[in-house]
Amino acid sequence: MSGYPKHHDVQLQRETEARLEREGQERARQEAIRRQQAQERERKRRLDELRSKSLVQSTQFESQLTAAAGSVYQGDYVQIEKKYRQNLDSIRTSPNEGGIRRAASAIADLTSDIVEASSRKRRDDAERQRLAAIELQKVQLGEIERSLNSIPQDDRLKFDRSGSDDLGVTVRSLHSLIAQGNPSPVSTPLDRAKNSLQRHLAAVRDGKADWQRRKDAAEDALGELDAVAVGIGSDETVLRWFADLGEELSMLVRAGRNACELERFDRPVELLSQGRDRVSECLRQASEAQRKADQSRYIADSIAATLRDMNFEVSAVRREHESHPASALLISAASVAGKSIRVSVPVEGQVLYVVDGYPHESASTNDGGQSAACDEAEGVLNQMRAQLRSEYGVDSGELDWEGKNPNRLLRSADDLPSGHGASSARGGH
């Protein structure tokens, strides 16, 4: 036999081939069963693993949903939770991985729903806060306007015009800013407006209080000046010597009223001081003048009474000028023998005697000259003077007349009873 490989044909018998076919089919069936069982076990393992993993992930989402409960609307929370529970049940009950995955994916997608719901609520909250801030700013601006309107505009302009004008501009500007719908740029000027309002209100309050104080003082001064004028109107003595004083004071009162109307409140106080000074000086002068006039009247009445006692027919004492209280008092006296004496008694100065009907005489002087003399008239007047002194307390100076010899100057002329000093009386022929 050669070294080449040897071969021949082989063929199974029909029975053997059939047996082997049967054995192969049985083996294939058993292997298919084992393979199917292995596949089922693997599917179940994978399904259980996916379900467990998905449940863990779902639990994490549930924590996320619970944490978001306060940041989403209640309705959104209920809807999301409902979807979550439905998909969670699907994960627990789904017989296949696809169902679990779809449910897990749906739960994962709910995270975006939470985000959207939270964003929506935040946007709405921010809008509410914006609207609330705007509404609050409107309320605060309204309070500013109400505070301004609670004070009469005339007062605001009178006592703090610049503050009132500035606040008016600020309020209009704030209305414009608020209308734009953004509260942020409103806050600072609104706070400044509140502070400006307080300063303005304080300025108006203090200014009006000072104005009222000055007005009250002016009205008090005007009332006192009016009272002074009324008082002077009832003082006959002062008006006798200062007839225009009442009108002077009335003019001051009218000037004070006009000053009050013009709100020159310091002027009535000045006018009151001026009026008081004027009244004080007039009272002093009137008192002095009246004292002298009373003394003059007393002397005149005393002279008239004395001449009557000396059997003269005496006229009523009258003024030289009836309209003037300081004019001299005139007395006319006449005897039954036709001799007369006219007397002029001034408020100040010498008493003047004018005699008529008495003989004129001449007397020798020591130096050998001649001087005018009227011994009878002189005797009558000296008698009168003596009686004035003894009965009426009127001291008189020595008689003097033109042409009288100085060496014959003896007794004294009439003095005022107050002792104002000797006032020489002159006798005339």
Protein backbone atom coordinates (compact mmCIF):
# COMPACT_ATOMS: atom_id res chain seq x y z
CA MET A 1 0.00 0.00 0.00
CA SER A 2 1.30 3.36 -0.85
CA GLY A 3 1.88 6.19 1.58
CA TYR A 4 -1.09 8.25 0.33
CA PRO A 5 -4.23 8.70 2.50
CA LYS A 6 -6.72 5.98 2.11
CA HIS A 7 -10.58 6.51 1.96
CA HIS A 8 -13.85 4.94 1.23
CA ASP A 9 -17.56 5.90 1.37
CA VAL A 10 -19.61 5.49 4.52
CA GLN A 11 -23.38 5.41 4.70
CA LEU A 12 -25.62 4.99 7.76
CA GLN A 13 -28.25 2.55 7.79
CA ARG A 14 -31.74 3.93 7.64
CA GLU A 15 -32.61 2.87 11.16
CA THR A 16 -29.41 4.34 12.54
CA GLU A 17 -29.92 7.59 10.72
CA ALA A 18 -33.51 7.81 11.96
CA ARG A 19 -32.43 7.12 15.52
CA LEU A 20 -29.73 9.75 15.33
CA GLU A 21 -32.27 12.23 13.87
CA ARG A 22 -34.61 11.58 16.77
CA GLU A 23 -31.82 11.96 19.27
CA GLY A 24 -30.74 15.26 17.67
CA GLN A 25 -34.26 16.65 17.66
CA GLU A 26 -34.70 15.74 21.35
CA ARG A 27 -31.40 17.34 22.16
CA ALA A 28 -32.33 20.48 20.21
CA ARG A 29 -35.70 20.62 22.04
CA GLN A 30 -34.00 20.31 25.42
CA GLU A 31 -31.49 22.97 24.47
CA ALA A 32 -34.31 25.24 23.29
CA ILE A 33 -36.06 24.76 26.62
CA ARG A 34 -32.87 25.52 28.52
CA ARG A 35 -32.21 28.52 26.30
CA GLN A 36 -35.77 29.81 26.77
CA GLN A 37 -35.53 29.39 30.51
CA ALA A 38 -32.19 31.21 30.55
CA GLN A 39 -33.66 34.01 28.47
CA GLU A 40 -36.66 34.30 30.79
CA ARG A 41 -34.42 34.40 33.82
CA GLU A 42 -32.29 37.07 32.18
CA ARG A 43 -35.34 39.07 31.16
CA LYS A 44 -36.74 38.85 34.67
CA ARG A 45 -33.40 39.83 36.17
CA ARG A 46 -33.08 42.77 33.86
CA LEU A 47 -36.72 43.76 34.45
CA ASP A 48 -36.32 43.55 38.23
CA GLU A 49 -33.07 45.48 38.09
CA LEU A 50 -34.61 48.19 35.90
CA ARG A 51 -37.71 48.36 38.08
CA SER A 52 -35.60 48.64 41.25
CA LYS A 53 -33.40 51.32 39.72
CA SER A 54 -36.39 53.22 38.44
CA LEU A 55 -38.08 53.05 41.82
CA VAL A 56 -34.96 54.48 43.46
CA GLN A 57 -34.91 57.29 40.92
CA SER A 58 -38.60 57.85 41.48
CA THR A 59 -38.01 58.13 45.19
CA GLN A 60 -35.46 60.86 44.51
CA PHE A 61 -38.00 62.68 42.37
CA GLU A 62 -40.57 62.40 45.13
CA SER A 63 -38.14 64.15 47.49
CA GLN A 64 -37.65 66.83 44.86
CA LEU A 65 -41.43 67.24 44.48
CA THR A 66 -41.92 67.45 48.25
CA ALA A 67 -39.20 70.11 48.49
CA ALA A 68 -40.87 72.11 45.72
CA ALA A 69 -44.28 72.07 47.41
CA GLY A 70 -43.87 75.63 48.73
CA SER A 71 -42.52 77.05 45.49
CA VAL A 72 -45.32 75.94 43.15
CA TYR A 73 -49.05 76.54 43.07
CA GLN A 74 -51.14 73.94 44.84
CA GLY A 75 -52.91 73.02 41.62
CA ASP A 76 -49.64 72.46 39.80
CA TYR A 77 -48.38 70.39 42.71
CA VAL A 78 -51.48 68.17 42.63
CA GLN A 79 -51.24 67.65 38.86
CA ILE A 80 -47.54 66.79 38.98
CA GLU A 81 -48.03 64.47 41.94
CA LYS A 82 -50.91 62.76 40.12
CA LYS A 83 -48.74 62.11 37.06
CA TYR A 84 -45.94 60.93 39.30
CA ARG A 85 -48.19 58.43 41.10
CA GLN A 86 -49.56 57.11 37.80
CA ASN A 87 -46.10 56.56 36.35
CA LEU A 88 -44.86 55.14 39.67
CA ASP A 89 -47.64 52.54 39.50
CA SER A 90 -46.60 51.80 35.90
CA ILE A 91 -43.01 51.20 37.05
CA ARG A 92 -44.23 48.87 39.74
CA THR A 93 -46.63 46.94 37.51
CA SER A 94 -45.23 47.15 33.97
CA PRO A 95 -44.44 43.65 32.65
CA ASN A 96 -41.71 44.85 30.33
CA GLU A 97 -38.74 47.11 30.29
CA GLY A 98 -40.24 49.41 27.72
CA GLY A 99 -43.16 50.21 29.99
CA ILE A 100 -40.83 50.84 32.94
CA ARG A 101 -38.56 53.03 30.85
CA ARG A 102 -41.47 55.04 29.49
CA ALA A 103 -42.84 55.54 33.01
CA ALA A 104 -39.38 56.43 34.40
CA SER A 105 -38.81 58.83 31.52
CA ALA A 106 -42.19 60.40 32.17
CA ILE A 107 -41.24 60.87 35.82
CA ALA A 108 -37.92 62.40 34.81
CA ASP A 109 -39.79 64.75 32.52
CA LEU A 110 -41.88 65.88 35.49
CA THR A 111 -38.74 67.62 36.80
CA SER A 112 -39.11 70.15 34.02
CA ASP A 113 -42.75 70.53 35.02
CA ILE A 114 -41.62 71.38 38.54
CA VAL A 115 -39.11 73.86 37.15
CA GLU A 116 -41.75 75.45 34.93
CA ALA A 117 -44.32 75.53 37.74
CA SER A 118 -41.75 77.08 40.10
CA SER A 119 -40.78 79.64 37.47
CA ARG A 120 -44.41 80.48 36.85
CA LYS A 121 -45.06 80.98 40.56
CA ARG A 122 -41.88 83.02 40.94
CA ARG A 123 -42.89 85.18 38.02
CA ASP A 124 -46.35 85.60 39.45
CA ASP A 125 -44.95 86.31 42.92
CA ALA A 126 -42.55 88.84 41.46
CA GLU A 127 -45.39 90.44 39.56
CA ARG A 128 -47.52 90.53 42.67
CA GLN A 129 -44.61 92.01 44.58
CA ARG A 130 -44.10 94.55 41.80
CA LEU A 131 -47.77 95.44 41.78
CA ALA A 132 -47.84 95.51 45.58
CA ALA A 133 -44.78 97.76 45.64
CA ILE A 134 -46.39 100.04 43.07
CA GLU A 135 -49.62 100.06 45.03
CA LEU A 136 -47.73 100.83 48.23
CA GLN A 137 -45.90 103.64 46.47
CA LYS A 138 -49.23 104.97 45.22
CA VAL A 139 -50.58 104.85 48.76
CA GLN A 140 -47.49 106.60 50.13
CA LEU A 141 -47.67 109.25 47.42
CA GLY A 142 -51.36 109.67 48.18
CA GLU A 143 -50.52 110.19 51.85
CA ILE A 144 -48.04 112.89 50.86
CA GLU A 145 -50.70 114.62 48.77
CA ARG A 146 -53.30 114.31 51.53
CA SER A 147 -50.87 115.79 54.03
CA LEU A 148 -50.21 118.67 51.65
CA ASN A 149 -53.91 119.22 50.96
CA SER A 150 -54.69 119.21 54.68
CA ILE A 151 -52.94 122.60 54.87
CA PRO A 152 -54.52 125.56 53.04
CA GLN A 153 -52.52 126.35 49.94
CA ASP A 154 -52.36 130.01 50.95
CA ASP A 155 -50.56 129.00 54.16
CA ARG A 156 -48.12 126.77 52.30
CA LEU A 157 -47.29 129.50 49.82
CA LYS A 158 -47.15 132.19 52.50
CA PHE A 159 -44.85 130.41 54.94
CA ASP A 160 -42.76 128.11 52.69
CA ARG A 161 -43.32 128.90 49.02
CA SER A 162 -40.10 127.28 47.81
CA GLY A 163 -40.82 124.09 49.77
CA SER A 164 -44.37 123.98 48.41
CA ASP A 165 -43.19 124.52 44.83
CA ASP A 166 -40.47 121.86 45.14
CA LEU A 167 -42.91 119.32 46.56
CA GLY A 168 -45.36 120.04 43.75
CA VAL A 169 -42.68 119.27 41.15
CA THR A 170 -41.61 116.14 43.07
CA VAL A 171 -45.18 114.81 43.35
CA ARG A 172 -45.80 115.25 39.62
CA SER A 173 -42.50 113.52 38.85
CA LEU A 174 -43.39 110.61 41.16
CA HIS A 175 -46.76 110.15 39.45
CA SER A 176 -44.93 109.87 36.14
CA LEU A 177 -42.38 107.39 37.52
CA ILE A 178 -45.02 105.18 39.15
CA ALA A 179 -47.00 105.11 35.91
CA GLN A 180 -44.00 103.45 34.20
CA GLY A 181 -44.61 100.35 36.33
CA ASN A 182 -41.10 99.93 37.73
CA PRO A 183 -40.98 100.55 41.48
CA SER A 184 -37.17 100.51 41.73
CA PRO A 185 -36.43 104.06 40.51
CA VAL A 186 -39.35 105.37 42.59
CA SER A 187 -38.07 104.41 46.04
CA THR A 188 -35.31 107.00 46.44
CA PRO A 189 -37.23 110.07 45.24
CA LEU A 190 -40.24 108.91 47.23
CA ASP A 191 -38.15 108.79 50.42
CA ARG A 192 -36.78 112.23 49.61
CA ALA A 193 -40.33 113.49 49.11
CA LYS A 194 -41.33 112.16 52.54
CA ASN A 195 -38.42 114.00 54.16
CA SER A 196 -39.18 117.16 52.18
CA LEU A 197 -42.80 116.93 53.29
CA GLN A 198 -41.81 116.82 56.95
CA ARG A 199 -39.52 119.82 56.53
CA HIS A 200 -42.23 121.69 54.64
CA LEU A 201 -44.90 120.92 57.24
CA ALA A 202 -42.56 122.02 60.02
CA ALA A 203 -41.69 125.23 58.17
CA VAL A 204 -45.37 126.03 57.58
CA ARG A 205 -46.30 125.17 61.16
CA ASP A 206 -43.50 127.25 62.67
CA GLY A 207 -44.03 130.08 60.22
CA LYS A 208 -47.75 130.24 60.90
CA ALA A 209 -47.20 130.07 64.66
CA ASP A 210 -44.77 132.99 64.45
CA TRP A 211 -47.16 134.84 62.12
CA GLN A 212 -50.05 134.27 64.54
CA ARG A 213 -47.93 135.38 67.48
CA ARG A 214 -46.96 138.59 65.68
CA LYS A 215 -50.54 139.11 64.51
CA ASP A 216 -51.86 138.66 68.06
CA ALA A 217 -49.24 141.08 69.38
CA ALA A 218 -50.18 143.58 66.66
CA GLU A 219 -53.90 143.26 67.42
CA ASP A 220 -53.21 143.57 71.15
CA ALA A 221 -51.15 146.72 70.48
CA LEU A 222 -53.87 148.06 68.19
CA GLY A 223 -56.52 147.35 70.82
CA GLU A 224 -54.44 149.07 73.47
CA LEU A 225 -53.87 152.04 71.16
CA ASP A 226 -57.61 152.22 70.55
CA ALA A 227 -58.21 152.10 74.30
CA VAL A 228 -55.71 154.92 74.79
CA ALA A 229 -57.53 156.97 72.14
CA VAL A 230 -60.91 156.31 73.79
CA GLY A 231 -59.45 157.21 77.18
CA ILE A 232 -58.07 160.48 75.85
CA GLY A 233 -61.47 161.20 74.29
CA SER A 234 -62.96 161.23 77.77
CA ASP A 235 -60.23 163.44 79.26
CA GLU A 236 -61.56 166.99 79.03
CA THR A 237 -58.45 168.51 80.52
CA VAL A 238 -56.09 167.06 77.92
CA LEU A 239 -58.45 167.85 75.07
CA ARG A 240 -58.80 171.41 76.36
CA TRP A 241 -55.12 171.97 75.74
CA PHE A 242 -54.61 169.50 72.91
CA ALA A 243 -57.83 169.54 70.99
CA ASP A 244 -56.35 167.58 68.07
CA LEU A 245 -54.86 164.81 70.21
CA GLY A 246 -57.92 162.61 69.83
CA GLU A 247 -57.71 162.86 66.05
CA GLU A 248 -53.97 162.23 66.19
CA LEU A 249 -54.57 159.02 68.08
CA SER A 250 -57.41 158.05 65.75
CA MET A 251 -55.03 158.49 62.84
CA LEU A 252 -52.55 156.21 64.59
CA VAL A 253 -55.30 153.63 65.11
CA ARG A 254 -56.27 153.81 61.44
CA ALA A 255 -52.63 153.48 60.44
CA GLY A 256 -52.32 150.46 62.73
CA ARG A 257 -55.37 148.80 61.21
CA ASN A 258 -54.03 149.41 57.73
CA ALA A 259 -50.67 147.93 58.81
CA CYS A 260 -52.46 144.83 60.15
CA GLU A 261 -54.29 144.41 56.87
CA LEU A 262 -50.94 144.60 55.09
CA GLU A 263 -49.52 142.18 57.70
CA ARG A 264 -46.94 144.72 58.83
CA PHE A 265 -47.40 143.44 62.35
CA ASP A 266 -44.47 145.32 63.85
CA ARG A 267 -46.00 148.66 62.91
CA PRO A 268 -48.91 148.67 65.45
CA VAL A 269 -46.43 148.04 68.26
CA GLU A 270 -44.39 151.02 67.06
CA LEU A 271 -47.53 153.13 66.75
CA LEU A 272 -48.60 152.17 70.27
CA SER A 273 -45.22 153.28 71.62
CA GLN A 274 -45.48 156.47 69.60
CA GLY A 275 -49.01 157.09 70.84
CA ARG A 276 -48.10 156.43 74.46
CA ASP A 277 -45.13 158.79 74.24
CA ARG A 278 -47.32 161.45 72.68
CA VAL A 279 -50.06 161.00 75.30
CA SER A 280 -47.53 161.00 78.11
CA GLU A 281 -46.03 164.27 76.91
CA CYS A 282 -49.46 165.81 76.34
CA LEU A 283 -50.60 164.73 79.80
CA ARG A 284 -47.54 166.31 81.31
CA GLN A 285 -47.95 169.53 79.39
CA ALA A 286 -51.73 169.62 79.87
CA SER A 287 -51.35 169.04 83.58
CA GLU A 288 -48.85 171.87 83.85
CA ALA A 289 -50.93 174.16 81.64
CA GLN A 290 -54.10 173.35 83.54
CA ARG A 291 -52.36 173.96 86.85
CA LYS A 292 -51.32 177.39 85.64
CA ALA A 293 -54.77 178.01 84.19
CA ASP A 294 -56.40 176.99 87.46
CA GLN A 295 -54.11 179.35 89.32
CA SER A 296 -54.88 182.11 86.83
CA ARG A 297 -58.60 181.45 87.26
CA TYR A 298 -58.25 181.50 91.03
CA ILE A 299 -56.41 184.83 90.93
CA ALA A 300 -58.97 186.28 88.53
CA ASP A 301 -61.93 185.06 90.61
CA SER A 302 -60.23 186.34 93.77
CA ILE A 303 -59.66 189.75 92.18
CA ALA A 304 -63.28 189.89 91.02
CA ALA A 305 -64.57 188.91 94.47
CA THR A 306 -62.32 191.45 96.17
CA LEU A 307 -63.45 194.24 93.89
CA ARG A 308 -67.06 193.37 94.63
CA ASP A 309 -66.26 193.53 98.33
CA MET A 310 -64.87 196.98 97.63
CA ASN A 311 -68.29 198.02 96.19
CA PHE A 312 -67.33 197.78 92.55
CA GLU A 313 -69.77 196.51 89.98
CA VAL A 314 -67.83 193.58 88.52
CA SER A 315 -68.55 191.83 85.24
CA ALA A 316 -68.24 188.08 84.85
CA VAL A 317 -64.72 186.87 84.35
CA ARG A 318 -64.23 186.06 80.68
CA ARG A 319 -61.45 184.91 78.42
CA GLU A 320 -59.77 187.26 76.09
CA HIS A 321 -60.10 184.55 73.40
CA GLU A 322 -62.81 182.10 74.33
CA SER A 323 -61.55 179.41 71.98
CA HIS A 324 -58.12 179.25 73.57
CA PRO A 325 -57.73 178.02 77.14
CA ALA A 326 -54.39 179.79 77.56
CA SER A 327 -55.73 183.25 76.81
CA ALA A 328 -55.80 185.90 79.54
CA LEU A 329 -58.81 186.32 81.84
CA LEU A 330 -60.44 189.71 81.68
CA ILE A 331 -62.27 191.50 84.50
CA SER A 332 -64.11 194.82 84.23
CA ALA A 333 -65.06 196.67 87.42
CA ALA A 334 -66.75 200.06 87.85
CA SER A 335 -67.57 202.14 90.93
CA VAL A 336 -70.71 204.22 91.44
CA ALA A 337 -68.47 207.27 91.02
CA GLY A 338 -67.79 206.26 87.43
CA LYS A 339 -64.29 205.07 88.05
CA SER A 340 -63.29 201.78 86.44
CA ILE A 341 -60.63 199.16 86.68
CA ARG A 342 -59.95 196.64 83.93
CA VAL A 343 -57.82 193.64 84.85
CA SER A 344 -56.04 191.16 82.61
CA VAL A 345 -54.80 187.98 84.30
CA PRO A 346 -52.60 185.92 81.99
CA VAL A 347 -51.85 182.23 82.47
CA GLU A 348 -48.22 183.25 82.87
CA GLY A 349 -46.67 186.66 83.42
CA GLN A 350 -47.73 189.93 85.05
CA VAL A 351 -51.28 190.94 85.95
CA LEU A 352 -52.22 194.08 84.09
CA TYR A 353 -54.47 196.79 85.60
CA VAL A 354 -55.96 199.54 83.49
CA VAL A 355 -57.66 202.26 85.61
CA ASP A 356 -59.88 205.00 84.31
CA GLY A 357 -61.56 208.00 85.96
CA TYR A 358 -58.87 208.50 88.59
CA PRO A 359 -57.00 211.85 88.71
CA HIS A 360 -53.54 211.92 87.16
CA GLU A 361 -50.90 213.48 89.36
CA SER A 362 -47.24 214.32 89.33
CA ALA A 363 -44.87 213.73 92.21
CA SER A 364 -41.45 215.16 92.94
CA THR A 365 -38.60 212.73 92.97
CA ASN A 366 -35.63 212.76 95.27
CA ASP A 367 -33.46 214.09 92.50
CA GLY A 368 -35.77 217.03 91.98
CA GLY A 369 -37.53 215.65 88.95
CA GLN A 370 -41.21 214.79 88.34
CA SER A 371 -42.79 211.33 88.02
CA ALA A 372 -46.26 210.16 87.10
CA ALA A 373 -48.43 209.33 90.05
CA CYS A 374 -51.99 208.18 90.66
CA ASP A 375 -52.22 207.96 94.39
CA GLU A 376 -56.00 207.31 94.54
CA ALA A 377 -55.86 204.49 92.02
CA GLU A 378 -52.75 203.15 93.67
CA GLY A 379 -54.49 203.23 97.02
CA VAL A 380 -57.47 201.27 95.65
CA LEU A 381 -55.22 198.67 94.07
CA ASN A 382 -53.09 198.40 97.19
CA GLN A 383 -56.24 197.88 99.26
CA MET A 384 -57.29 195.21 96.80
CA ARG A 385 -53.87 193.60 96.99
CA ALA A 386 -53.91 193.55 100.77
CA GLN A 387 -57.34 191.91 100.78
CA LEU A 388 -56.20 189.36 98.17
CA ARG A 389 -53.36 188.42 100.49
CA SER A 390 -55.38 188.21 103.67
CA GLU A 391 -58.55 186.62 102.36
CA TYR A 392 -57.48 184.59 99.32
CA GLY A 393 -53.84 183.81 99.90
CA VAL A 394 -52.69 185.67 96.81
CA ASP A 395 -49.35 187.41 97.27
CA SER A 396 -48.78 190.24 94.87
CA GLY A 397 -45.71 192.14 93.83
CA GLU A 398 -45.31 195.88 94.00
CA LEU A 399 -47.32 197.96 91.60
CA ASP A 400 -45.48 199.49 88.72
CA TRP A 401 -46.50 201.67 85.79
CA GLU A 402 -44.92 203.65 83.07
CA GLY A 403 -43.35 206.85 84.37
CA LYS A 404 -43.40 205.79 88.00
CA ASN A 405 -40.42 206.92 90.07
CA PRO A 406 -38.36 203.83 90.86
CA ASN A 407 -37.73 205.28 94.30
CA ARG A 408 -41.44 204.86 94.97
CA LEU A 409 -41.37 201.10 94.24
CA LEU A 410 -42.60 199.64 97.44
CA ARG A 411 -44.90 196.66 97.73
CA SER A 412 -44.97 193.51 95.56
CA ALA A 413 -46.98 192.46 92.52
CA ASP A 414 -49.49 189.59 92.37
CA ASP A 415 -47.98 186.13 92.78
CA LEU A 416 -49.53 182.85 91.83
CA PRO A 417 -50.54 180.94 94.98
CA SER A 418 -48.34 178.00 94.02
CA GLY A 419 -45.30 180.18 94.55
CA HIS A 420 -44.29 180.28 90.94
CA GLY A 421 -42.42 183.47 91.77
CA ALA A 422 -43.35 187.13 91.78
CA SER A 423 -45.09 188.44 88.69
CA SER A 424 -45.02 192.16 88.63
CA ALA A 425 -48.34 193.76 87.99
CA ARG A 426 -48.50 197.01 86.11
CA GLY A 427 -51.07 199.73 86.75
CA GLY A 428 -52.04 201.86 83.80
CA HIS A 429 -53.94 205.10 83.65
